[in-house]
Amino acid sequence: MSGQVLVALAVGIWAVGVSAREPMATLGDAALSVVQDVPGYNSWPMIQAAGGKLICAYSKGSAHTIDEGKRGVYARTSADGGKSWSPEVCVVNDPAVGEVTIGKGLDGQGAMLLWVRNWGKVRRHDLYRTTDGVTFEKIASPNLSPMPMQITDIFQVPGKGMMALWFAGDYREGPRNAWGLLTSADNGRTWIQRTVEKDLEKSDWPTEPSGVWLGDGRILVVARSEGNGPQFQITSTDSGATWKRVKTNITDVLQSTPSLLYDPESGRLWNCYYHRGARKLKRRIVDAAMIFDHPMAWPEPEVLAEGFEKRPYDAGNVNATILGGRHYMATYTGTEHDTATVVISVPVRPSGGQ
């Protein structure tokens, strides 16, 4: 056999291996589900368990940019734990703006709510509602000032209604950043905005926060830091009237977006995030009552999956939900113009384990 033939065979075998490789490699008993893997920048997914199935909404564009007119929001559903996904539906795709999924949650009737950012000549945030993951109804476009960069996941706070945290700023140095909360007492039709902190330096600015209600007036939030700093932990003991912000010992992050899951029966709290640069999807488990006052005591994480992206920022932004004894973590990974939206699932560990 000639050298040229051997080279051709080797190249062919290598190409088959590359094309057959999954977007991420799972570890242990974690499982991979590919939601969307077509040419383009399929990214920034939100996942929610609703009505006994998974609903995953994501944004499609041509690159890591939020304001291109061709960028829109789409969704798929899964009734079998991510083994298969329904045909794609378009939530919204207005050529005048770029649309990105930025937050999700449930309303009082158990329907999924989805925040969508519209960025272009017009800047606003719209809230959509769906009961089936197929038909989405826009129910709110609140008039906000300051205009948030994002509004994040929605959670229920007894006596207040629904709550979602927001952050605003321009990612530059200087005291120009803020964060706060939105509350709704009518299932998301109207919202009241409040600023908690403003005129923050970038190093003190908590972005892309994830919050959970722990009961007895307590809210716990974990937020991303811009730069190389650790994750923030923000707590309230009075249902969001006042807040305390501190840094944590979670330093294996590079501007990583966290997503919290809480089990009120066991009191366990999970912090899910993607370690950009290191290409690792991680999850930390902790007792919520303990960590509430001890933000420097987060235990070591477990690694659930590994990505293959060349640039750190072509992966990340984990968003998580729980269904049927499993955690489902939606994320994305790929190259600067071609990423896949995926879901990593793993069993909820028995008491005492991760």
Protein backbone atom coordinates (compact mmCIF):
# COMPACT_ATOMS: atom_id res chain seq x y z
CA MET A 1 0.00 0.00 0.00
CA SER A 2 1.46 3.37 -0.99
CA GLY A 3 2.26 6.14 1.44
CA GLN A 4 -0.36 8.38 -0.17
CA VAL A 5 -3.07 5.76 0.41
CA LEU A 6 -2.03 5.33 4.03
CA VAL A 7 -2.17 9.07 4.57
CA ALA A 8 -5.61 9.25 2.94
CA LEU A 9 -6.87 6.43 5.16
CA ALA A 10 -5.47 8.06 8.26
CA VAL A 11 -7.10 11.39 7.40
CA GLY A 12 -10.40 9.63 6.68
CA ILE A 13 -10.34 7.76 9.99
CA TRP A 14 -9.46 10.97 11.85
CA ALA A 15 -12.29 12.87 10.13
CA VAL A 16 -14.81 10.16 11.02
CA GLY A 17 -13.66 10.29 14.63
CA VAL A 18 -14.01 14.07 14.77
CA SER A 19 -17.43 14.15 13.17
CA ALA A 20 -18.67 11.35 15.42
CA ARG A 21 -17.47 12.99 18.63
CA GLU A 22 -20.21 14.30 20.89
CA PRO A 23 -20.11 18.02 21.79
CA MET A 24 -19.18 17.11 25.39
CA ALA A 25 -17.78 14.06 27.17
CA THR A 26 -19.67 12.90 30.27
CA LEU A 27 -18.15 11.45 33.40
CA GLY A 28 -19.52 8.81 35.78
CA ASP A 29 -23.28 8.36 35.52
CA ALA A 30 -23.91 11.70 33.80
CA ALA A 31 -25.72 11.52 30.46
CA LEU A 32 -25.57 13.81 27.42
CA SER A 33 -28.56 14.96 25.41
CA VAL A 34 -28.05 17.09 22.30
CA VAL A 35 -30.91 19.56 21.94
CA GLN A 36 -29.66 21.57 18.97
CA ASP A 37 -26.56 21.01 16.84
CA VAL A 38 -26.86 22.68 13.45
CA PRO A 39 -24.53 25.25 11.83
CA GLY A 40 -24.60 28.49 13.81
CA TYR A 41 -24.14 29.79 17.32
CA ASN A 42 -26.79 27.81 19.25
CA SER A 43 -26.38 29.10 22.78
CA TRP A 44 -27.52 30.49 26.14
CA PRO A 45 -30.22 27.87 26.84
CA MET A 46 -32.85 27.94 29.56
CA ILE A 47 -34.37 24.65 30.76
CA GLN A 48 -37.49 24.12 32.84
CA ALA A 49 -39.43 21.09 34.03
CA ALA A 50 -43.14 21.79 33.51
CA GLY A 51 -46.12 19.49 33.13
CA GLY A 52 -44.00 16.38 33.52
CA LYS A 53 -41.65 17.21 30.64
CA LEU A 54 -38.59 19.28 29.88
CA ILE A 55 -38.78 22.53 27.94
CA CYS A 56 -35.50 23.88 26.60
CA ALA A 57 -35.43 27.34 25.00
CA TYR A 58 -32.28 28.68 23.34
CA SER A 59 -30.99 31.41 21.06
CA LYS A 60 -29.71 30.90 17.51
CA GLY A 61 -27.42 33.28 15.64
CA SER A 62 -24.17 33.35 13.68
CA ALA A 63 -21.65 34.27 16.40
CA HIS A 64 -21.18 35.25 20.04
CA THR A 65 -23.08 38.49 19.60
CA ILE A 66 -26.42 39.47 21.09
CA ASP A 67 -27.73 42.19 18.78
CA GLU A 68 -27.68 40.64 15.29
CA GLY A 69 -31.08 40.71 13.62
CA LYS A 70 -30.90 37.07 12.54
CA ARG A 71 -30.62 35.94 16.17
CA GLY A 72 -33.89 34.54 17.50
CA VAL A 73 -35.30 32.32 20.25
CA TYR A 74 -36.44 28.75 19.69
CA ALA A 75 -37.61 25.85 21.84
CA ARG A 76 -37.91 22.07 21.97
CA THR A 77 -39.54 19.74 24.49
CA SER A 78 -38.73 16.26 25.77
CA ALA A 79 -41.19 13.83 27.37
CA ASP A 80 -38.61 11.08 27.94
CA GLY A 81 -35.95 12.75 30.06
CA GLY A 82 -33.94 14.15 27.16
CA LYS A 83 -33.69 10.95 25.13
CA SER A 84 -35.53 12.67 22.30
CA TRP A 85 -36.68 16.20 21.54
CA SER A 86 -39.69 17.54 19.69
CA PRO A 87 -39.39 19.53 16.45
CA GLU A 88 -38.10 23.05 16.92
CA VAL A 89 -40.58 25.91 17.31
CA CYS A 90 -39.83 29.61 16.96
CA VAL A 91 -40.66 31.65 20.05
CA VAL A 92 -39.69 34.98 18.46
CA ASN A 93 -37.36 36.22 15.72
CA ASP A 94 -37.75 39.90 14.90
CA PRO A 95 -35.10 40.97 12.33
CA ALA A 96 -34.91 44.40 13.96
CA VAL A 97 -33.31 43.03 17.15
CA GLY A 98 -31.35 40.11 18.50
CA GLU A 99 -33.32 37.95 20.93
CA VAL A 100 -31.68 35.95 23.72
CA THR A 101 -33.15 33.74 26.44
CA ILE A 102 -32.08 35.15 29.82
CA GLY A 103 -34.30 33.66 32.54
CA LYS A 104 -37.02 31.12 33.23
CA GLY A 105 -39.36 29.92 35.98
CA LEU A 106 -42.87 28.77 36.82
CA ASP A 107 -45.98 30.82 37.49
CA GLY A 108 -48.63 30.01 40.09
CA GLN A 109 -50.37 27.59 37.71
CA GLY A 110 -47.21 25.66 36.89
CA ALA A 111 -46.75 27.16 33.40
CA MET A 112 -43.25 28.02 32.22
CA LEU A 113 -42.26 31.67 32.06
CA LEU A 114 -39.38 32.80 29.82
CA TRP A 115 -37.56 36.12 29.84
CA VAL A 116 -36.29 37.20 26.41
CA ARG A 117 -33.91 40.11 25.92
CA ASN A 118 -34.38 42.21 22.76
CA TRP A 119 -31.19 44.07 21.86
CA GLY A 120 -30.66 46.39 18.90
CA LYS A 121 -31.95 49.85 18.08
CA VAL A 122 -34.75 49.01 20.53
CA ARG A 123 -33.85 47.52 23.91
CA ARG A 124 -36.43 45.82 26.09
CA HIS A 125 -37.24 42.62 27.94
CA ASP A 126 -40.32 40.53 27.18
CA LEU A 127 -41.85 37.76 29.28
CA TYR A 128 -43.43 34.76 27.54
CA ARG A 129 -45.69 32.07 29.00
CA THR A 130 -46.18 28.51 27.76
CA THR A 131 -48.08 25.51 29.06
CA ASP A 132 -46.75 23.05 26.49
CA GLY A 133 -43.40 24.37 25.19
CA VAL A 134 -44.93 24.73 21.73
CA THR A 135 -47.09 27.84 21.93
CA PHE A 136 -45.62 30.90 23.65
CA GLU A 137 -47.68 33.97 24.62
CA LYS A 138 -46.02 37.30 25.38
CA ILE A 139 -47.57 38.50 28.63
CA ALA A 140 -45.37 41.44 29.69
CA SER A 141 -42.92 44.04 28.44
CA PRO A 142 -42.14 46.03 31.61
CA ASN A 143 -40.90 49.61 31.43
CA LEU A 144 -37.64 49.43 33.38
CA SER A 145 -35.07 51.96 34.58
CA PRO A 146 -32.24 51.32 34.77
CA MET A 147 -32.50 49.02 31.77
CA PRO A 148 -31.15 45.62 32.85
CA MET A 149 -28.57 43.76 30.85
CA GLN A 150 -30.43 40.66 31.99
CA ILE A 151 -33.34 39.56 34.13
CA THR A 152 -32.67 36.13 35.55
CA ASP A 153 -34.63 33.10 36.78
CA ILE A 154 -38.01 33.55 38.45
CA PHE A 155 -38.78 32.02 41.86
CA GLN A 156 -41.68 32.23 44.28
CA VAL A 157 -41.46 34.22 47.52
CA PRO A 158 -44.48 33.78 49.84
CA GLY A 159 -46.16 37.08 50.58
CA LYS A 160 -44.35 38.80 47.69
CA GLY A 161 -45.39 36.75 44.68
CA MET A 162 -42.81 36.04 42.03
CA MET A 163 -39.30 37.45 42.17
CA ALA A 164 -36.53 37.78 39.58
CA LEU A 165 -33.15 39.43 40.01
CA TRP A 166 -31.61 41.76 37.42
CA PHE A 167 -28.29 43.48 36.78
CA ALA A 168 -27.37 46.53 34.69
CA GLY A 169 -24.04 47.91 33.51
CA ASP A 170 -21.62 48.13 30.62
CA TYR A 171 -18.75 45.85 31.77
CA ARG A 172 -16.26 48.74 31.88
CA GLU A 173 -14.22 49.90 34.85
CA GLY A 174 -15.73 52.60 37.04
CA PRO A 175 -18.74 52.97 39.38
CA ARG A 176 -21.35 52.43 36.69
CA ASN A 177 -23.04 49.13 37.60
CA ALA A 178 -26.16 48.11 39.51
CA TRP A 179 -28.37 45.19 40.47
CA GLY A 180 -31.76 44.68 42.03
CA LEU A 181 -35.01 42.76 41.89
CA LEU A 182 -38.37 42.61 40.18
CA THR A 183 -41.51 41.38 41.92
CA SER A 184 -44.89 40.44 40.51
CA ALA A 185 -48.09 39.78 42.43
CA ASP A 186 -50.19 38.91 39.36
CA ASN A 187 -48.38 35.95 37.83
CA GLY A 188 -46.03 38.05 35.73
CA ARG A 189 -48.45 40.43 34.04
CA THR A 190 -46.96 43.45 35.83
CA TRP A 191 -43.65 43.97 37.65
CA ILE A 192 -42.25 46.35 40.27
CA GLN A 193 -38.55 47.15 39.94
CA ARG A 194 -36.24 47.98 42.83
CA THR A 195 -32.53 48.77 42.82
CA VAL A 196 -30.58 47.17 45.67
CA GLU A 197 -27.06 48.44 44.89
CA LYS A 198 -25.85 50.99 42.36
CA ASP A 199 -22.63 52.81 41.40
CA LEU A 200 -20.69 49.58 41.80
CA GLU A 201 -17.20 48.98 40.49
CA LYS A 202 -16.99 46.05 38.10
CA SER A 203 -15.14 43.97 40.70
CA ASP A 204 -18.06 44.39 43.14
CA TRP A 205 -20.79 43.80 40.59
CA PRO A 206 -22.78 40.54 40.92
CA THR A 207 -24.02 39.44 37.50
CA GLU A 208 -26.25 36.64 36.16
CA PRO A 209 -27.52 35.69 39.64
CA SER A 210 -29.48 32.58 40.56
CA GLY A 211 -31.72 32.65 43.63
CA VAL A 212 -33.76 30.21 45.70
CA TRP A 213 -36.33 30.62 48.46
CA LEU A 214 -35.32 28.67 51.57
CA GLY A 215 -38.27 29.52 53.80
CA ASP A 216 -38.64 31.63 56.95
CA GLY A 217 -37.82 34.83 55.06
CA ARG A 218 -34.51 33.51 53.76
CA ILE A 219 -33.37 33.89 50.14
CA LEU A 220 -29.97 32.66 48.96
CA VAL A 221 -28.40 33.90 45.74
CA VAL A 222 -25.18 32.94 43.98
CA ALA A 223 -23.87 35.28 41.28
CA ARG A 224 -21.11 35.46 38.72
CA SER A 225 -18.23 37.93 39.01
CA GLU A 226 -16.82 39.80 36.03
CA GLY A 227 -13.12 39.06 35.70
CA ASN A 228 -11.20 36.46 37.66
CA GLY A 229 -12.96 36.88 40.99
CA PRO A 230 -14.88 34.19 42.91
CA GLN A 231 -18.62 33.75 42.86
CA PHE A 232 -20.69 36.06 45.06
CA GLN A 233 -23.20 34.89 47.64
CA ILE A 234 -26.07 37.23 48.45
CA THR A 235 -28.58 36.55 51.22
CA SER A 236 -31.77 38.03 52.63
CA THR A 237 -33.47 37.14 55.92
CA ASP A 238 -36.56 39.32 55.35
CA SER A 239 -37.98 38.10 52.02
CA GLY A 240 -35.88 40.49 49.96
CA ALA A 241 -36.31 43.74 51.91
CA THR A 242 -32.60 43.88 52.75
CA TRP A 243 -29.59 42.02 51.37
CA LYS A 244 -26.02 41.08 52.30
CA ARG A 245 -23.43 40.47 49.54
CA VAL A 246 -20.12 38.68 50.16
CA LYS A 247 -17.60 36.64 48.19
CA THR A 248 -17.36 32.85 48.36
CA ASN A 249 -14.49 30.38 48.23
CA ILE A 250 -15.63 29.24 44.76
CA THR A 251 -12.69 30.34 42.63
CA ASP A 252 -12.70 27.65 39.91
CA VAL A 253 -14.65 29.96 37.66
CA LEU A 254 -14.01 32.34 34.80
CA GLN A 255 -17.05 34.57 34.56
CA SER A 256 -19.20 31.48 35.03
CA THR A 257 -22.98 31.73 35.22
CA PRO A 258 -24.35 29.62 38.11
CA SER A 259 -27.69 27.90 38.52
CA LEU A 260 -29.03 26.82 41.91
CA LEU A 261 -31.28 23.86 42.71
CA TYR A 262 -32.84 23.40 46.16
CA ASP A 263 -34.60 20.45 47.79
CA PRO A 264 -36.72 21.69 50.73
CA GLU A 265 -37.24 18.17 52.09
CA SER A 266 -33.56 17.41 52.59
CA GLY A 267 -32.35 20.99 52.84
CA ARG A 268 -29.71 20.30 50.20
CA LEU A 269 -28.58 22.97 47.75
CA TRP A 270 -26.75 22.38 44.46
CA ASN A 271 -24.65 25.00 42.67
CA CYS A 272 -24.19 24.11 38.99
CA TYR A 273 -21.76 26.00 36.73
CA TYR A 274 -19.33 25.61 33.84
CA HIS A 275 -15.65 26.28 34.54
CA ARG A 276 -14.70 28.18 31.43
CA GLY A 277 -11.16 27.72 30.22
CA ALA A 278 -10.83 24.44 32.13
CA ARG A 279 -13.78 23.08 30.05
CA LYS A 280 -15.53 21.38 32.96
CA LEU A 281 -19.19 21.29 33.98
CA LYS A 282 -19.30 21.19 37.79
CA ARG A 283 -21.79 20.79 40.60
CA ARG A 284 -21.34 21.50 44.32
CA ILE A 285 -23.69 20.17 46.99
CA VAL A 286 -24.10 21.71 50.40
CA ASP A 287 -26.50 21.98 53.32
CA ALA A 288 -28.41 25.20 52.67
CA ALA A 289 -28.83 26.10 56.35
CA MET A 290 -25.09 25.79 56.95
CA ILE A 291 -23.86 27.67 53.88
CA PHE A 292 -26.31 30.55 54.40
CA ASP A 293 -24.02 32.10 57.04
CA HIS A 294 -20.77 30.47 55.93
CA PRO A 295 -20.15 31.48 52.28
CA MET A 296 -16.48 30.48 52.48
CA ALA A 297 -17.38 26.87 53.32
CA TRP A 298 -18.56 25.58 49.93
CA PRO A 299 -17.24 22.01 49.50
CA GLU A 300 -15.25 20.79 46.53
CA PRO A 301 -17.22 20.18 43.30
CA GLU A 302 -17.81 17.06 41.27
CA VAL A 303 -17.05 17.19 37.55
CA LEU A 304 -19.93 15.93 35.41
CA ALA A 305 -18.79 16.65 31.86
CA GLU A 306 -15.97 18.14 29.81
CA GLY A 307 -16.14 20.29 26.68
CA PHE A 308 -13.77 20.72 23.74
CA GLU A 309 -14.10 24.42 22.88
CA LYS A 310 -10.94 26.33 21.93
CA ARG A 311 -12.04 29.70 23.28
CA PRO A 312 -13.25 29.91 26.92
CA TYR A 313 -16.28 32.04 26.07
CA ASP A 314 -17.74 29.63 23.52
CA ALA A 315 -19.17 27.56 26.38
CA GLY A 316 -20.87 28.14 29.69
CA ASN A 317 -24.01 29.82 31.06
CA VAL A 318 -25.44 26.76 32.80
CA ASN A 319 -29.16 26.69 33.58
CA ALA A 320 -30.61 23.82 35.61
CA THR A 321 -33.89 22.17 36.58
CA ILE A 322 -34.98 18.98 38.33
CA LEU A 323 -37.40 16.31 37.11
CA GLY A 324 -38.02 12.72 38.17
CA GLY A 325 -35.04 12.37 40.46
CA ARG A 326 -32.54 13.83 37.99
CA HIS A 327 -30.85 17.17 37.58
CA TYR A 328 -30.82 18.59 34.05
CA MET A 329 -28.20 21.21 33.20
CA ALA A 330 -28.46 23.02 29.87
CA THR A 331 -25.33 24.60 28.42
CA TYR A 332 -23.56 25.15 25.10
CA THR A 333 -20.13 24.44 23.65
CA GLY A 334 -18.30 24.73 20.33
CA THR A 335 -16.37 27.23 18.23
CA GLU A 336 -16.73 30.96 17.61
CA HIS A 337 -19.34 30.44 14.87
CA ASP A 338 -20.66 26.95 15.57
CA THR A 339 -21.92 25.74 18.94
CA ALA A 340 -24.28 23.02 20.14
CA THR A 341 -26.93 23.37 22.81
CA VAL A 342 -26.80 20.35 25.10
CA VAL A 343 -28.27 19.05 28.34
CA ILE A 344 -26.25 17.07 30.88
CA SER A 345 -28.34 15.03 33.31
CA VAL A 346 -27.30 13.18 36.44
CA PRO A 347 -29.22 11.44 39.23
CA VAL A 348 -29.93 13.36 42.40
CA ARG A 349 -27.53 11.67 44.82
CA PRO A 350 -28.91 9.91 47.89
CA SER A 351 -28.63 11.69 51.22
CA GLY A 352 -25.02 12.03 52.29
CA GLY A 353 -23.56 11.90 48.77
CA GLN A 354 -23.19 14.28 45.90
